[in-house]
C-alpha atoms as a PDB file:
ATOM      1  CA  MET A   1       0.000   0.000   0.000  1.00  0.00           C
ATOM      2  CA  SER A   2       0.967   3.607  -0.550  1.00  0.00           C
ATOM      3  CA  ALA A   3      -0.305   6.664   1.277  1.00  0.00           C
ATOM      4  CA  THR A   4      -0.803   8.378  -2.081  1.00  0.00           C
ATOM      5  CA  THR A   5      -4.069   8.802  -3.972  1.00  0.00           C
ATOM      6  CA  LEU A   6      -3.682   8.184  -7.709  1.00  0.00           C
ATOM      7  CA  LEU A   7      -5.780  10.401  -9.966  1.00  0.00           C
ATOM      8  CA  VAL A   8      -6.332   9.921 -13.699  1.00  0.00           C
ATOM      9  CA  ILE A   9      -8.006  12.832 -15.483  1.00  0.00           C
ATOM     10  CA  ALA A  10      -9.673  11.866 -18.735  1.00  0.00           C
ATOM     11  CA  LYS A  11     -12.422  12.390 -21.272  1.00  0.00           C
ATOM     12  CA  GLU A  12     -14.821   9.687 -22.368  1.00  0.00           C
ATOM     13  CA  PRO A  13     -13.303   8.475 -25.676  1.00  0.00           C
ATOM     14  CA  LEU A  14     -16.043   9.526 -28.091  1.00  0.00           C
ATOM     15  CA  PRO A  15     -15.469  10.270 -31.803  1.00  0.00           C
ATOM     16  CA  GLY A  16     -15.112  13.973 -32.432  1.00  0.00           C
ATOM     17  CA  ARG A  17     -14.570  14.709 -28.718  1.00  0.00           C
ATOM     18  CA  VAL A  18     -11.082  13.306 -28.143  1.00  0.00           C
ATOM     19  CA  LYS A  19      -7.756  13.379 -29.969  1.00  0.00           C
ATOM     20  CA  THR A  20      -9.042  15.827 -32.570  1.00  0.00           C
ATOM     21  CA  ARG A  21      -5.455  16.738 -33.487  1.00  0.00           C
ATOM     22  CA  LEU A  22      -5.067  13.224 -34.907  1.00  0.00           C
ATOM     23  CA  THR A  23      -7.620  14.012 -37.617  1.00  0.00           C
ATOM     24  CA  PRO A  24      -6.477  13.889 -40.326  1.00  0.00           C
ATOM     25  CA  PRO A  25      -4.854  11.484 -41.145  1.00  0.00           C
ATOM     26  CA  TYR A  26      -6.990   9.438 -38.718  1.00  0.00           C
ATOM     27  CA  THR A  27     -10.763   9.541 -38.847  1.00  0.00           C
ATOM     28  CA  PRO A  28     -12.656  10.671 -35.735  1.00  0.00           C
ATOM     29  CA  ASP A  29     -13.600   7.034 -35.032  1.00  0.00           C
ATOM     30  CA  GLN A  30      -9.978   5.888 -35.321  1.00  0.00           C
ATOM     31  CA  ALA A  31      -8.810   8.743 -33.095  1.00  0.00           C
ATOM     32  CA  ALA A  32     -11.393   7.735 -30.485  1.00  0.00           C
ATOM     33  CA  ARG A  33     -10.235   4.108 -30.660  1.00  0.00           C
ATOM     34  CA  LEU A  34      -6.659   5.228 -30.043  1.00  0.00           C
ATOM     35  CA  ALA A  35      -7.798   7.424 -27.152  1.00  0.00           C
ATOM     36  CA  GLU A  36      -9.742   4.535 -25.606  1.00  0.00           C
ATOM     37  CA  ALA A  37      -6.725   2.247 -25.878  1.00  0.00           C
ATOM     38  CA  ALA A  38      -4.436   4.867 -24.328  1.00  0.00           C
ATOM     39  CA  LEU A  39      -6.877   5.406 -21.481  1.00  0.00           C
ATOM     40  CA  ALA A  40      -7.301   1.666 -20.891  1.00  0.00           C
ATOM     41  CA  ASP A  41      -3.532   1.119 -20.804  1.00  0.00           C
ATOM     42  CA  THR A  42      -3.156   3.990 -18.332  1.00  0.00           C
ATOM     43  CA  LEU A  43      -5.940   2.762 -16.062  1.00  0.00           C
ATOM     44  CA  HIS A  44      -4.696  -0.825 -16.018  1.00  0.00           C
ATOM     45  CA  ALA A  45      -1.187   0.382 -15.178  1.00  0.00           C
ATOM     46  CA  VAL A  46      -2.552   2.508 -12.330  1.00  0.00           C
ATOM     47  CA  ARG A  47      -4.671  -0.396 -11.085  1.00  0.00           C
ATOM     48  CA  ASP A  48      -1.489  -2.387 -10.526  1.00  0.00           C
ATOM     49  CA  MET A  49       0.303   0.401  -8.634  1.00  0.00           C
ATOM     50  CA  PRO A  50       0.277   0.758  -4.848  1.00  0.00           C
ATOM     51  CA  ALA A  51      -2.165   3.465  -3.831  1.00  0.00           C
ATOM     52  CA  ARG A  52      -4.334   4.639  -0.978  1.00  0.00           C
ATOM     53  CA  ARG A  53      -7.143   5.211  -3.476  1.00  0.00           C
ATOM     54  CA  ARG A  54      -7.528   5.224  -7.277  1.00  0.00           C
ATOM     55  CA  VAL A  55      -9.772   7.884  -8.795  1.00  0.00           C
ATOM     56  CA  LEU A  56     -10.849   8.511 -12.387  1.00  0.00           C
ATOM     57  CA  VAL A  57     -11.732  12.184 -12.804  1.00  0.00           C
ATOM     58  CA  LEU A  58     -13.922  11.895 -15.856  1.00  0.00           C
ATOM     59  CA  GLU A  59     -15.639  14.126 -18.375  1.00  0.00           C
ATOM     60  CA  GLY A  60     -18.426  11.919 -19.668  1.00  0.00           C
ATOM     61  CA  HIS A  61     -19.461   8.426 -18.699  1.00  0.00           C
ATOM     62  CA  PRO A  62     -17.421   5.311 -17.861  1.00  0.00           C
ATOM     63  CA  GLY A  63     -17.394   2.427 -20.328  1.00  0.00           C
ATOM     64  CA  PRO A  64     -16.108  -1.136 -20.593  1.00  0.00           C
ATOM     65  CA  TRP A  65     -12.561   0.237 -20.749  1.00  0.00           C
ATOM     66  CA  LEU A  66     -12.706   1.035 -17.002  1.00  0.00           C
ATOM     67  CA  PRO A  67     -11.206  -1.732 -14.814  1.00  0.00           C
ATOM     68  CA  ALA A  68     -12.443  -2.455 -11.316  1.00  0.00           C
ATOM     69  CA  GLY A  69     -10.919  -0.658  -8.361  1.00  0.00           C
ATOM     70  CA  PHE A  70     -11.544   2.967  -9.313  1.00  0.00           C
ATOM     71  CA  ASP A  71     -13.797   5.601  -7.854  1.00  0.00           C
ATOM     72  CA  VAL A  72     -15.257   7.771 -10.625  1.00  0.00           C
ATOM     73  CA  VAL A  73     -15.854  11.468 -10.002  1.00  0.00           C
ATOM     74  CA  PRO A  74     -16.972  14.063 -12.555  1.00  0.00           C
ATOM     75  CA  GLN A  75     -14.762  16.858 -13.733  1.00  0.00           C
ATOM     76  CA  CYS A  76     -15.855  20.348 -12.803  1.00  0.00           C
ATOM     77  CA  ALA A  77     -16.601  23.096 -15.306  1.00  0.00           C
ATOM     78  CA  GLY A  78     -13.923  25.519 -16.429  1.00  0.00           C
ATOM     79  CA  GLY A  79     -10.517  25.450 -18.034  1.00  0.00           C
ATOM     80  CA  LEU A  80      -8.025  22.645 -17.626  1.00  0.00           C
ATOM     81  CA  ASP A  81      -6.203  24.458 -14.813  1.00  0.00           C
ATOM     82  CA  GLU A  82      -9.461  24.676 -12.854  1.00  0.00           C
ATOM     83  CA  ARG A  83     -10.300  21.024 -13.529  1.00  0.00           C
ATOM     84  CA  LEU A  84      -6.869  19.876 -12.373  1.00  0.00           C
ATOM     85  CA  ALA A  85      -7.136  22.049  -9.280  1.00  0.00           C
ATOM     86  CA  HIS A  86     -10.569  20.624  -8.501  1.00  0.00           C
ATOM     87  CA  ALA A  87      -9.227  17.067  -8.820  1.00  0.00           C
ATOM     88  CA  PHE A  88      -6.598  17.750  -6.170  1.00  0.00           C
ATOM     89  CA  ALA A  89      -9.115  19.567  -3.973  1.00  0.00           C
ATOM     90  CA  GLY A  90     -11.060  16.328  -3.567  1.00  0.00           C
ATOM     91  CA  CYS A  91      -8.094  14.516  -2.026  1.00  0.00           C
ATOM     92  CA  ALA A  92      -6.834  14.172   1.516  1.00  0.00           C
ATOM     93  CA  GLY A  93      -3.092  13.745   1.880  1.00  0.00           C
ATOM     94  CA  PRO A  94      -0.596  13.082  -0.921  1.00  0.00           C
ATOM     95  CA  ALA A  95      -1.968  12.764  -4.455  1.00  0.00           C
ATOM     96  CA  LEU A  96      -0.410  12.048  -7.834  1.00  0.00           C
ATOM     97  CA  LEU A  97      -2.283  12.994 -11.001  1.00  0.00           C
ATOM     98  CA  LEU A  98      -1.806  11.522 -14.485  1.00  0.00           C
ATOM     99  CA  GLY A  99      -3.398  12.246 -17.838  1.00  0.00           C
ATOM    100  CA  MET A 100      -4.698   9.749 -20.395  1.00  0.00           C
ATOM    101  CA  ASP A 101      -2.138  10.502 -23.108  1.00  0.00           C
ATOM    102  CA  THR A 102       0.842   8.439 -21.912  1.00  0.00           C
ATOM    103  CA  PRO A 103      -0.124   4.777 -22.334  1.00  0.00           C
ATOM    104  CA  GLN A 104       3.554   3.847 -21.970  1.00  0.00           C
ATOM    105  CA  VAL A 105       3.429   4.677 -18.248  1.00  0.00           C
ATOM    106  CA  THR A 106       4.434   1.833 -15.948  1.00  0.00           C
ATOM    107  CA  ALA A 107       4.622   1.132 -12.253  1.00  0.00           C
ATOM    108  CA  ARG A 108       8.398   1.199 -12.578  1.00  0.00           C
ATOM    109  CA  LEU A 109       8.363   4.753 -13.941  1.00  0.00           C
ATOM    110  CA  LEU A 110       6.238   5.939 -11.038  1.00  0.00           C
ATOM    111  CA  ALA A 111       7.903   3.815  -8.362  1.00  0.00           C
ATOM    112  CA  PRO A 112       9.973   6.689  -6.878  1.00  0.00           C
ATOM    113  CA  ALA A 113       6.805   8.758  -6.334  1.00  0.00           C
ATOM    114  CA  LEU A 114       4.937   5.837  -4.765  1.00  0.00           C
ATOM    115  CA  ALA A 115       7.689   4.457  -2.532  1.00  0.00           C
ATOM    116  CA  ALA A 116       7.380   4.486   1.241  1.00  0.00           C
ATOM    117  CA  ASP A 117       9.809   7.423   1.414  1.00  0.00           C
ATOM    118  CA  ALA A 118       8.399   9.276  -1.606  1.00  0.00           C
ATOM    119  CA  TRP A 119       7.376  12.318   0.417  1.00  0.00           C
ATOM    120  CA  HIS A 120      10.318  12.445   2.810  1.00  0.00           C
ATOM    121  CA  GLY A 121      11.886  15.827   2.136  1.00  0.00           C
ATOM    122  CA  CYS A 122       9.708  16.218  -0.956  1.00  0.00           C
ATOM    123  CA  ASP A 123       6.647  18.373  -1.533  1.00  0.00           C
ATOM    124  CA  ALA A 124       5.952  17.685  -5.192  1.00  0.00           C
ATOM    125  CA  TRP A 125       6.711  15.262  -8.024  1.00  0.00           C
ATOM    126  CA  PHE A 126       6.810  16.572 -11.573  1.00  0.00           C
ATOM    127  CA  GLY A 127       6.782  14.569 -14.806  1.00  0.00           C
ATOM    128  CA  PRO A 128       7.652  16.748 -17.813  1.00  0.00           C
ATOM    129  CA  ALA A 129       6.230  15.989 -21.246  1.00  0.00           C
ATOM    130  CA  ALA A 130       8.259  16.260 -24.434  1.00  0.00           C
ATOM    131  CA  ASP A 131       5.869  18.856 -25.872  1.00  0.00           C
ATOM    132  CA  GLY A 132       6.522  21.288 -23.030  1.00  0.00           C
ATOM    133  CA  GLY A 133       3.614  20.247 -20.846  1.00  0.00           C
ATOM    134  CA  PHE A 134       3.563  17.719 -18.034  1.00  0.00           C
ATOM    135  CA  TRP A 135       2.207  14.193 -17.801  1.00  0.00           C
ATOM    136  CA  ALA A 136       2.321  13.752 -14.025  1.00  0.00           C
ATOM    137  CA  LEU A 137       2.037  16.017 -11.009  1.00  0.00           C
ATOM    138  CA  GLY A 138       2.165  14.947  -7.393  1.00  0.00           C
ATOM    139  CA  LEU A 139       1.535  17.088  -4.327  1.00  0.00           C
ATOM    140  CA  ALA A 140       2.205  16.107  -0.723  1.00  0.00           C
ATOM    141  CA  GLU A 141      -0.731  18.298   0.300  1.00  0.00           C
ATOM    142  CA  PRO A 142      -3.704  19.205  -1.928  1.00  0.00           C
ATOM    143  CA  ARG A 143      -3.101  22.871  -2.814  1.00  0.00           C
ATOM    144  CA  PRO A 144      -5.418  23.674  -5.723  1.00  0.00           C
ATOM    145  CA  GLY A 145      -4.176  27.245  -5.911  1.00  0.00           C
ATOM    146  CA  LEU A 146      -0.860  25.984  -7.252  1.00  0.00           C
ATOM    147  CA  LEU A 147      -2.595  25.048 -10.519  1.00  0.00           C
ATOM    148  CA  ARG A 148      -5.194  27.751 -10.973  1.00  0.00           C
ATOM    149  CA  GLY A 149      -4.120  30.386 -13.464  1.00  0.00           C
ATOM    150  CA  VAL A 150      -1.336  28.370 -15.085  1.00  0.00           C
ATOM    151  CA  PRO A 151      -1.838  28.593 -18.892  1.00  0.00           C
ATOM    152  CA  MET A 152      -2.456  25.082 -20.173  1.00  0.00           C
ATOM    153  CA  SER A 153      -1.755  23.430 -23.533  1.00  0.00           C
ATOM    154  CA  THR A 154       1.131  25.709 -24.461  1.00  0.00           C
ATOM    155  CA  PRO A 155       4.816  24.916 -25.114  1.00  0.00           C
ATOM    156  CA  THR A 156       5.676  26.544 -21.770  1.00  0.00           C
ATOM    157  CA  THR A 157       2.959  24.990 -19.593  1.00  0.00           C
ATOM    158  CA  GLY A 158       5.320  22.556 -17.893  1.00  0.00           C
ATOM    159  CA  ALA A 159       7.974  25.149 -17.180  1.00  0.00           C
ATOM    160  CA  ARG A 160       5.418  27.578 -15.794  1.00  0.00           C
ATOM    161  CA  GLN A 161       3.746  24.941 -13.621  1.00  0.00           C
ATOM    162  CA  ARG A 162       7.085  23.798 -12.240  1.00  0.00           C
ATOM    163  CA  ALA A 163       8.097  27.398 -11.594  1.00  0.00           C
ATOM    164  CA  ARG A 164       4.839  27.914  -9.697  1.00  0.00           C
ATOM    165  CA  LEU A 165       5.750  25.014  -7.407  1.00  0.00           C
ATOM    166  CA  VAL A 166       9.280  26.301  -6.785  1.00  0.00           C
ATOM    167  CA  GLU A 167       8.090  29.851  -6.183  1.00  0.00           C
ATOM    168  CA  ALA A 168       5.727  28.489  -3.520  1.00  0.00           C
ATOM    169  CA  GLY A 169       8.756  27.096  -1.694  1.00  0.00           C
ATOM    170  CA  LEU A 170       8.111  23.445  -2.554  1.00  0.00           C
ATOM    171  CA  THR A 171      10.883  20.876  -2.901  1.00  0.00           C
ATOM    172  CA  VAL A 172      10.280  19.285  -6.306  1.00  0.00           C
ATOM    173  CA  ARG A 173      11.557  15.924  -7.517  1.00  0.00           C
ATOM    174  CA  GLU A 174      11.536  14.912 -11.181  1.00  0.00           C
ATOM    175  CA  LEU A 175      10.025  11.944 -12.944  1.00  0.00           C
ATOM    176  CA  PRO A 176      11.265  10.893 -16.414  1.00  0.00           C
ATOM    177  CA  GLU A 177      10.157  12.872 -19.433  1.00  0.00           C
ATOM    178  CA  LEU A 178       7.479  11.132 -21.537  1.00  0.00           C
ATOM    179  CA  LEU A 179       5.912  11.799 -24.910  1.00  0.00           C
ATOM    180  CA  ASP A 180       2.194  12.563 -24.955  1.00  0.00           C
ATOM    181  CA  VAL A 181       0.049  11.281 -27.804  1.00  0.00           C
ATOM    182  CA  ASP A 182      -1.036  14.591 -29.287  1.00  0.00           C
ATOM    183  CA  THR A 183      -0.362  14.332 -33.023  1.00  0.00           C
ATOM    184  CA  ALA A 184      -0.292  11.588 -35.648  1.00  0.00           C
ATOM    185  CA  ALA A 185       3.519  11.626 -35.552  1.00  0.00           C
ATOM    186  CA  ASP A 186       3.384  10.689 -31.852  1.00  0.00           C
ATOM    187  CA  VAL A 187       1.327   7.532 -32.382  1.00  0.00           C
ATOM    188  CA  ALA A 188       4.095   5.335 -33.770  1.00  0.00           C
ATOM    189  CA  ARG A 189       6.667   6.594 -31.267  1.00  0.00           C
ATOM    190  CA  VAL A 190       4.468   5.936 -28.247  1.00  0.00           C
ATOM    191  CA  ALA A 191       3.357   2.563 -29.618  1.00  0.00           C
ATOM    192  CA  ALA A 192       7.023   1.594 -30.010  1.00  0.00           C
ATOM    193  CA  ALA A 193       7.669   2.613 -26.389  1.00  0.00           C
ATOM    194  CA  ALA A 194       4.987   0.157 -25.166  1.00  0.00           C
ATOM    195  CA  PRO A 195       4.745  -2.473 -27.920  1.00  0.00           C
ATOM    196  CA  ARG A 196       2.719  -4.970 -25.869  1.00  0.00           C
ATOM    197  CA  GLY A 197      -0.022  -2.567 -24.839  1.00  0.00           C
ATOM    198  CA  ARG A 198      -3.542  -1.984 -26.091  1.00  0.00           C
ATOM    199  CA  PHE A 199      -2.483   1.286 -27.678  1.00  0.00           C
ATOM    200  CA  ALA A 200       0.208  -0.364 -29.820  1.00  0.00           C
ATOM    201  CA  ALA A 201      -2.181  -3.144 -30.847  1.00  0.00           C
ATOM    202  CA  THR A 202      -4.888  -0.626 -31.802  1.00  0.00           C
ATOM    203  CA  ALA A 203      -2.421   1.488 -33.785  1.00  0.00           C
ATOM    204  CA  ALA A 204      -1.255  -1.623 -35.638  1.00  0.00           C
ATOM    205  CA  ARG A 205      -4.816  -2.700 -36.470  1.00  0.00           C
ATOM    206  CA  ILE A 206      -5.664   0.736 -37.786  1.00  0.00           C
ATOM    207  CA  ALA A 207      -2.490   0.889 -39.872  1.00  0.00           C
ATOM    208  CA  GLY A 208      -3.182  -2.562 -41.299  1.00  0.00           C
ATOM    209  CA  GLY A 209      -6.790  -1.962 -42.279  1.00  0.00           C
ATOM    210  CA  PRO A 210      -8.706   0.419 -44.527  1.00  0.00           C
ATOM    211  CA  ARG A 211      -9.261   3.979 -43.428  1.00  0.00           C
ATOM    212  CA  GLY A 212     -12.799   5.006 -42.666  1.00  0.00           C
END
């Protein structure tokens, strides 16, 4: 067991609502299938990690891709910074938040942030993304104000979020950098990073079949 709550923030993988930057070359249905596979890989990885509690912070409705062992809570209204802040606000004690765009995540990658001594001399864990954002954020205490007002989905989001933590006097430890699945060029690279996962299998099926 870990004293940390694991949060996954996600959208229901519906065509036209998720992974719109993959279209074209992918169709909206194919983009949604990739999003569902990425989300399922992420959730199954989190299910196998030590945690005090596992929470899916969801926009939409759960589907068959959701494994057992998760509490499901709705996202609040507002921008992404407000929705992330609200996710942390619902926690008591340490919490670590992940997105749905890094299906290559593993328990081994997150082991330092979930170890028994993860919060000894540490106030925050930060996982930078290759596009300038971040794929993971952990806080020893839920402080929603540390996220509100940070511009999201920009090339400097990660740097500005990390700076916000440091400016607040927090001791920050780093997790490895990962590539988010944001564009069509990312699909093959992320699939290669986790070749045995649902995401890689879905990408291969789509590549091997007709478009449409």
